[in-house]
């Protein structure tokens, strides 16, 4: 019971921060490129030609904590093809 209340409290605090950001016209959304790797060769995109230096998982965790404190409520994970990363499930769980 206590754990459930604590999770609900954290969720309420996060929603309050997002609502506050909307009211004072601060950012509520961020987009993170988790990789530039791509296994497709689309004609309109050249991202597969670039080298990818993926952000380590520890750095992503630190960024996620910072974004939550700032009141970011929505995170889009994108990149060349994010599913190419082996740890994409862990990254999704972080957010």
Protein backbone atom coordinates (compact mmCIF):
# COMPACT_ATOMS: atom_id res chain seq x y z
CA UNK A 1 0.00 0.00 0.00
CA UNK A 2 2.77 2.44 0.95
CA UNK A 3 4.65 1.79 -2.30
CA UNK A 4 1.53 2.46 -4.34
CA UNK A 5 0.90 5.77 -2.55
CA UNK A 6 4.52 6.79 -3.06
CA UNK A 7 4.37 6.02 -6.80
CA UNK A 8 1.10 7.95 -7.11
CA UNK A 9 2.67 10.90 -5.28
CA UNK A 10 5.65 10.90 -7.63
CA UNK A 11 3.32 10.77 -10.62
CA UNK A 12 1.27 13.68 -9.26
CA UNK A 13 4.43 15.74 -8.72
CA UNK A 14 5.55 15.01 -12.29
CA UNK A 15 2.13 16.00 -13.68
CA UNK A 16 2.20 19.19 -11.60
CA UNK A 17 5.61 20.12 -13.03
CA UNK A 18 4.38 19.55 -16.58
CA UNK A 19 1.25 21.64 -15.93
CA UNK A 20 3.37 24.40 -14.38
CA UNK A 21 5.62 24.41 -17.44
CA UNK A 22 2.58 24.74 -19.71
CA UNK A 23 1.27 27.69 -17.70
CA UNK A 24 4.59 29.57 -17.66
CA UNK A 25 5.31 28.60 -21.29
CA UNK A 26 8.34 26.43 -20.66
CA UNK A 27 9.24 23.30 -22.57
CA UNK A 28 7.33 20.09 -21.85
CA UNK A 29 8.76 17.92 -24.64
CA UNK A 30 12.23 16.79 -25.63
CA UNK A 31 13.53 14.71 -28.52
CA UNK A 32 16.54 12.48 -28.01
CA UNK A 33 18.50 10.85 -30.81
CA UNK A 34 19.58 7.57 -29.25
CA UNK A 35 21.61 6.49 -32.28
CA UNK A 36 22.45 7.41 -35.84
CA UNK A 37 22.80 3.80 -36.91
CA UNK A 38 20.40 2.64 -39.56
CA UNK A 39 20.20 -0.55 -41.56
CA UNK A 40 18.14 0.97 -44.37
CA UNK A 41 19.35 3.08 -47.28
CA UNK A 42 16.51 5.51 -47.93
CA UNK A 43 17.03 7.90 -50.85
CA UNK A 44 15.78 10.95 -48.96
CA UNK A 45 17.97 10.35 -45.89
CA UNK A 46 21.75 10.24 -45.51
CA UNK A 47 21.93 9.49 -41.80
CA UNK A 48 23.32 6.03 -42.50
CA UNK A 49 26.44 7.66 -43.97
CA UNK A 50 27.35 9.33 -40.67
CA UNK A 51 29.32 7.71 -37.88
CA UNK A 52 27.37 7.03 -34.70
CA UNK A 53 28.81 7.61 -31.27
CA UNK A 54 25.90 6.49 -29.14
CA UNK A 55 25.28 8.07 -25.77
CA UNK A 56 26.15 5.64 -22.95
CA UNK A 57 23.31 4.34 -20.81
CA UNK A 58 24.63 6.07 -17.65
CA UNK A 59 24.54 9.45 -19.38
CA UNK A 60 21.00 8.80 -20.60
CA UNK A 61 19.96 7.99 -17.01
CA UNK A 62 21.47 11.26 -15.76
CA UNK A 63 19.71 13.21 -18.52
CA UNK A 64 16.40 11.54 -17.70
CA UNK A 65 16.67 12.59 -14.05
CA UNK A 66 17.51 16.16 -15.11
CA UNK A 67 14.57 16.27 -17.51
CA UNK A 68 12.15 14.99 -14.87
CA UNK A 69 13.33 17.64 -12.39
CA UNK A 70 12.88 20.29 -15.06
CA UNK A 71 9.30 19.14 -15.68
CA UNK A 72 9.64 17.53 -19.09
CA UNK A 73 6.65 15.24 -19.44
CA UNK A 74 7.14 13.81 -22.91
CA UNK A 75 10.25 12.30 -24.49
CA UNK A 76 10.52 11.17 -28.09
CA UNK A 77 13.27 8.65 -28.77
CA UNK A 78 14.45 8.77 -32.33
CA UNK A 79 17.56 8.46 -34.42
CA UNK A 80 18.54 6.56 -37.50
CA UNK A 81 16.77 3.43 -36.34
CA UNK A 82 16.53 3.32 -32.53
CA UNK A 83 15.68 -0.38 -32.56
CA UNK A 84 19.23 -1.12 -33.75
CA UNK A 85 20.53 -0.36 -30.25
CA UNK A 86 20.72 -3.49 -28.12
CA UNK A 87 19.75 -1.61 -24.94
CA UNK A 88 16.74 0.25 -26.37
CA UNK A 89 14.33 -1.52 -23.99
CA UNK A 90 16.36 -0.33 -21.00
CA UNK A 91 16.36 3.21 -22.43
CA UNK A 92 12.58 3.10 -22.82
CA UNK A 93 12.23 1.87 -19.24
CA UNK A 94 14.33 4.80 -17.99
CA UNK A 95 11.81 7.27 -19.34
